[in-house]
N, C-alpha and C. Protein backbone atom coordinates (compact mmCIF):
# COMPACT_ATOMS: atom_id res chain seq x y z
N MET A 1 0.51 -1.30 0.00
CA MET A 1 -0.17 0.26 -0.15
C MET A 1 1.07 1.05 0.19
N PRO A 2 1.68 1.44 0.86
CA PRO A 2 2.72 2.74 0.79
C PRO A 2 3.43 2.73 -0.45
N VAL A 3 4.23 1.99 -1.43
CA VAL A 3 4.25 1.98 -2.58
C VAL A 3 3.13 2.54 -2.95
N LEU A 4 1.93 2.28 -3.34
CA LEU A 4 1.12 2.76 -4.38
C LEU A 4 1.08 4.52 -4.44
N LEU A 5 1.09 4.83 -2.85
CA LEU A 5 0.55 6.30 -2.68
C LEU A 5 2.31 7.08 -2.94
N VAL A 6 3.34 6.47 -2.99
CA VAL A 6 4.35 6.73 -3.22
C VAL A 6 4.72 7.37 -4.96
N ILE A 7 3.43 6.28 -5.83
CA ILE A 7 3.62 6.55 -6.96
C ILE A 7 2.08 7.49 -7.38
N VAL A 8 1.43 7.40 -6.55
CA VAL A 8 0.66 8.45 -6.85
C VAL A 8 1.16 9.87 -6.70
N ASN A 9 1.53 10.17 -5.51
CA ASN A 9 2.55 11.52 -5.31
C ASN A 9 3.30 11.84 -6.64
N ILE A 10 3.95 10.52 -6.84
CA ILE A 10 4.98 12.01 -7.85
C ILE A 10 4.14 11.56 -9.16
N ALA A 11 3.04 10.98 -9.35
CA ALA A 11 2.04 11.03 -10.74
C ALA A 11 1.51 12.69 -10.55
N VAL A 12 1.12 12.69 -8.86
CA VAL A 12 0.31 14.11 -9.18
C VAL A 12 1.29 15.32 -9.07
N CYS A 13 2.65 14.90 -8.56
CA CYS A 13 3.65 16.35 -8.88
C CYS A 13 4.50 16.26 -10.20
N TYR A 14 4.27 15.27 -11.37
CA TYR A 14 4.20 15.19 -12.54
C TYR A 14 3.53 16.24 -13.01
N VAL A 15 2.46 15.90 -13.03
CA VAL A 15 0.84 16.56 -13.03
C VAL A 15 1.07 18.29 -12.92
N ILE A 16 1.54 18.34 -11.92
CA ILE A 16 1.74 19.85 -11.49
C ILE A 16 3.31 20.19 -12.24
N GLY A 17 3.85 19.52 -12.02
CA GLY A 17 4.92 20.58 -13.46
C GLY A 17 4.56 20.52 -14.73
N VAL A 18 4.14 19.65 -14.90
CA VAL A 18 3.30 19.73 -16.61
C VAL A 18 2.49 21.33 -16.81
N LEU A 19 1.75 21.55 -15.55
CA LEU A 19 1.02 22.62 -15.18
C LEU A 19 2.04 23.92 -15.26
N GLY A 20 2.95 23.98 -14.62
CA GLY A 20 3.83 24.54 -14.67
C GLY A 20 5.07 25.12 -15.18
N ARG A 21 4.88 24.41 -16.86
CA ARG A 21 6.60 24.71 -17.69
C ARG A 21 6.11 25.66 -18.23
N ASN A 22 5.12 26.67 -18.83
CA ASN A 22 5.12 27.60 -18.96
C ASN A 22 5.36 28.77 -18.05
N ARG A 23 5.94 28.37 -16.84
CA ARG A 23 6.18 29.50 -15.72
C ARG A 23 7.15 29.84 -15.76
N LYS A 24 7.56 30.95 -14.64
CA LYS A 24 8.81 31.13 -14.58
C LYS A 24 10.11 30.00 -13.67
N LEU A 25 9.29 29.36 -12.63
CA LEU A 25 10.23 28.15 -12.77
C LEU A 25 10.23 26.64 -13.47
N GLY A 26 9.47 26.99 -14.48
CA GLY A 26 9.17 25.62 -15.51
C GLY A 26 8.90 24.59 -14.92
N PHE A 27 9.08 22.97 -15.71
CA PHE A 27 8.76 21.89 -15.38
C PHE A 27 9.44 21.32 -14.56
N TRP A 28 11.19 21.87 -14.38
CA TRP A 28 11.58 21.03 -12.69
C TRP A 28 11.69 21.36 -11.61
N GLY A 29 11.65 22.89 -11.96
CA GLY A 29 11.45 23.76 -10.68
C GLY A 29 9.46 23.76 -10.14
N HIS A 30 8.69 23.29 -10.77
CA HIS A 30 7.37 22.97 -10.11
C HIS A 30 7.49 21.57 -9.29
N PHE A 31 7.82 20.69 -10.43
CA PHE A 31 8.23 19.31 -9.74
C PHE A 31 8.78 19.13 -8.67
N PHE A 32 10.29 19.53 -8.89
CA PHE A 32 11.01 19.17 -7.38
C PHE A 32 10.26 20.04 -5.75
N ALA A 33 9.71 21.31 -6.50
CA ALA A 33 9.13 22.40 -5.09
C ALA A 33 7.72 21.20 -4.77
N SER A 34 6.86 20.16 -5.76
CA SER A 34 5.77 20.08 -5.15
C SER A 34 6.71 18.36 -4.56
N LEU A 35 7.30 17.68 -4.98
CA LEU A 35 7.63 16.33 -4.68
C LEU A 35 8.52 16.95 -3.09
N LEU A 36 9.39 17.79 -3.00
CA LEU A 36 10.16 18.12 -1.65
C LEU A 36 8.94 19.02 -0.70
N LEU A 37 7.96 19.67 -0.65
CA LEU A 37 7.16 20.30 0.19
C LEU A 37 5.83 19.29 -0.10
N THR A 38 4.92 19.51 -0.54
CA THR A 38 3.71 18.67 -0.75
C THR A 38 3.21 19.54 -2.18
N PRO A 39 2.33 18.52 -2.80
CA PRO A 39 1.57 18.92 -3.94
C PRO A 39 0.60 20.05 -4.11
N VAL A 40 -0.03 20.30 -2.85
CA VAL A 40 -0.89 21.19 -2.52
C VAL A 40 0.19 22.99 -2.66
N ILE A 41 1.02 22.41 -1.66
CA ILE A 41 1.71 23.69 -2.27
C ILE A 41 2.73 24.04 -3.28
N GLY A 42 2.87 22.90 -3.79
CA GLY A 42 3.32 22.77 -5.59
C GLY A 42 1.97 23.55 -6.90
N LEU A 43 0.93 22.94 -6.49
CA LEU A 43 0.02 24.17 -7.31
C LEU A 43 -0.23 25.33 -6.84
N LEU A 44 -0.33 25.52 -5.59
CA LEU A 44 -0.27 27.07 -5.09
C LEU A 44 1.21 28.13 -6.04
N LEU A 45 2.41 27.02 -6.23
CA LEU A 45 3.55 28.20 -6.67
C LEU A 45 3.09 28.29 -8.29
N VAL A 46 2.31 27.09 -9.15
CA VAL A 46 1.84 27.28 -9.75
C VAL A 46 0.83 28.40 -10.44
N VAL A 47 -0.06 28.55 -9.77
CA VAL A 47 -0.94 29.48 -9.84
C VAL A 47 -0.65 31.08 -9.34
N ALA A 48 0.62 31.11 -8.45
CA ALA A 48 1.02 32.22 -7.63
C ALA A 48 1.98 32.96 -8.95
N THR A 49 3.26 31.90 -9.58
CA THR A 49 3.46 32.44 -10.36
C THR A 49 3.57 33.07 -11.75
N ASP A 50 4.46 33.94 -12.12
CA ASP A 50 4.03 34.87 -13.52
C ASP A 50 4.44 33.67 -14.91
N PRO A 51 3.60 33.92 -16.07
CA PRO A 51 3.78 32.94 -17.04
C PRO A 51 5.24 34.13 -17.77
N VAL A 52 5.82 32.69 -18.15
CA VAL A 52 7.47 33.45 -19.17
C VAL A 52 6.54 34.49 -20.21
N ARG A 53 7.46 35.42 -20.44
CA ARG A 53 7.23 36.38 -21.40
C ARG A 53 8.29 36.24 -22.82
N ASP A 54 7.57 36.56 -23.65
CA ASP A 54 8.26 36.90 -24.71
C ASP A 54 9.51 38.14 -24.97
N LYS A 55 10.39 38.11 -25.70
CA LYS A 55 10.93 39.77 -25.72
C LYS A 55 10.02 40.81 -26.17
N ASP A 56 9.13 40.57 -26.66
CA ASP A 56 8.20 41.79 -26.57
C ASP A 56 7.26 42.11 -25.50
N ASP A 57 7.38 41.23 -24.16
CA ASP A 57 6.93 41.38 -23.18
C ASP A 57 5.18 41.52 -23.05
N LYS A 58 5.23 40.16 -23.73
CA LYS A 58 3.74 39.52 -23.82
C LYS A 58 3.75 38.46 -23.61
N PRO A 59 2.47 37.60 -22.95
CA PRO A 59 2.91 36.34 -22.49
C PRO A 59 2.90 35.25 -23.37
N ALA A 60 3.96 34.61 -23.30
CA ALA A 60 4.13 33.44 -24.49
C ALA A 60 2.97 32.64 -25.03
N ARG A 61 1.77 32.50 -24.53
CA ARG A 61 1.06 32.01 -25.31
C ARG A 61 -0.29 32.56 -26.00
N GLN A 62 -0.30 34.41 -25.69
CA GLN A 62 -0.92 34.77 -26.19
C GLN A 62 -1.32 35.43 -27.86
N LYS A 63 -2.09 35.61 -28.34
CA LYS A 63 -2.03 35.57 -29.87
C LYS A 63 -2.29 37.07 -30.18
N ALA A 64 -1.58 37.17 -31.42
CA ALA A 64 -1.27 39.17 -31.50
C ALA A 64 -2.84 39.44 -32.20
N VAL A 65 -3.02 40.55 -31.76
CA VAL A 65 -4.17 41.35 -32.46
C VAL A 65 -3.97 41.95 -33.01
N PHE A 66 -5.12 41.86 -34.01
CA PHE A 66 -5.18 42.52 -35.11
C PHE A 66 -5.40 44.01 -35.16
N LYS A 67 -4.54 44.48 -36.00
CA LYS A 67 -4.52 46.47 -35.45
C LYS A 67 -4.68 46.86 -37.40
N PRO A 68 -5.54 47.18 -37.63
CA PRO A 68 -6.37 47.85 -39.11
C PRO A 68 -5.21 49.09 -39.12
N ALA A 69 -5.33 48.80 -40.55
CA ALA A 69 -4.01 50.27 -41.13
C ALA A 69 -4.52 51.31 -40.73
N ARG A 70 -3.38 52.27 -40.86
CA ARG A 70 -4.35 53.71 -40.72
C ARG A 70 -4.63 54.20 -42.01
N GLU A 71 -5.42 55.42 -41.85
CA GLU A 71 -5.75 55.62 -42.98
C GLU A 71 -5.12 56.09 -44.52
N LYS A 72 -3.83 56.75 -43.93
CA LYS A 72 -2.88 57.32 -45.06
C LYS A 72 -1.92 56.42 -45.18
N ASP A 73 -2.08 54.97 -44.65
CA ASP A 73 -1.21 53.98 -44.96
C ASP A 73 -1.76 53.17 -45.93
N ILE A 74 -3.32 53.47 -46.15
CA ILE A 74 -3.53 52.62 -47.42
C ILE A 74 -3.44 53.16 -48.88
N VAL A 75 -2.66 52.35 -49.88
CA VAL A 75 -2.54 52.74 -50.76
C VAL A 75 -3.33 52.11 -52.36
N SER A 76 -3.71 53.00 -52.83
CA SER A 76 -4.59 52.64 -54.03
C SER A 76 -4.38 51.89 -55.43
N VAL A 77 -4.85 51.26 -56.17
CA VAL A 77 -4.33 50.49 -57.43
C VAL A 77 -3.12 50.73 -57.64
N SER A 78 -3.31 52.02 -58.28
CA SER A 78 -2.46 52.98 -58.94
C SER A 78 -0.86 52.87 -58.43
N GLY A 79 -0.89 52.72 -57.32
CA GLY A 79 0.20 53.17 -56.24
C GLY A 79 0.24 54.34 -55.68
N LYS A 80 -0.59 54.96 -56.13
CA LYS A 80 -0.63 56.39 -55.03
C LYS A 80 -1.28 56.31 -54.07
N GLU A 81 -1.01 57.19 -53.21
CA GLU A 81 -2.06 57.11 -52.12
C GLU A 81 -3.70 57.79 -51.99
N ALA A 82 -4.44 57.14 -51.14
CA ALA A 82 -5.58 57.41 -51.78
C ALA A 82 -6.25 58.45 -51.43
N ASN A 83 -5.92 59.32 -50.63
CA ASN A 83 -6.25 60.71 -49.98
C ASN A 83 -5.41 61.59 -50.31
N THR A 84 -5.00 61.86 -51.68
CA THR A 84 -3.96 62.93 -52.04
C THR A 84 -4.92 63.88 -52.94
């Protein structure tokens, strides 16, 4: 019975590591924190840490936002600006 509890504990710590893979501590940080402390504290760390950010200071999994062109940037078919 104790072997089963150890296996379940390691499996829960692995899931917490997977949940924290895109966070500041990463997979291994969250995995070992939940293994050494408790899975509950590891889960709290996942919720409390910030997501990893790109070079543009956006969250890694945030999608790009469509921005329409400005009116002066629109060019007609003939190659001249539309508002001349």
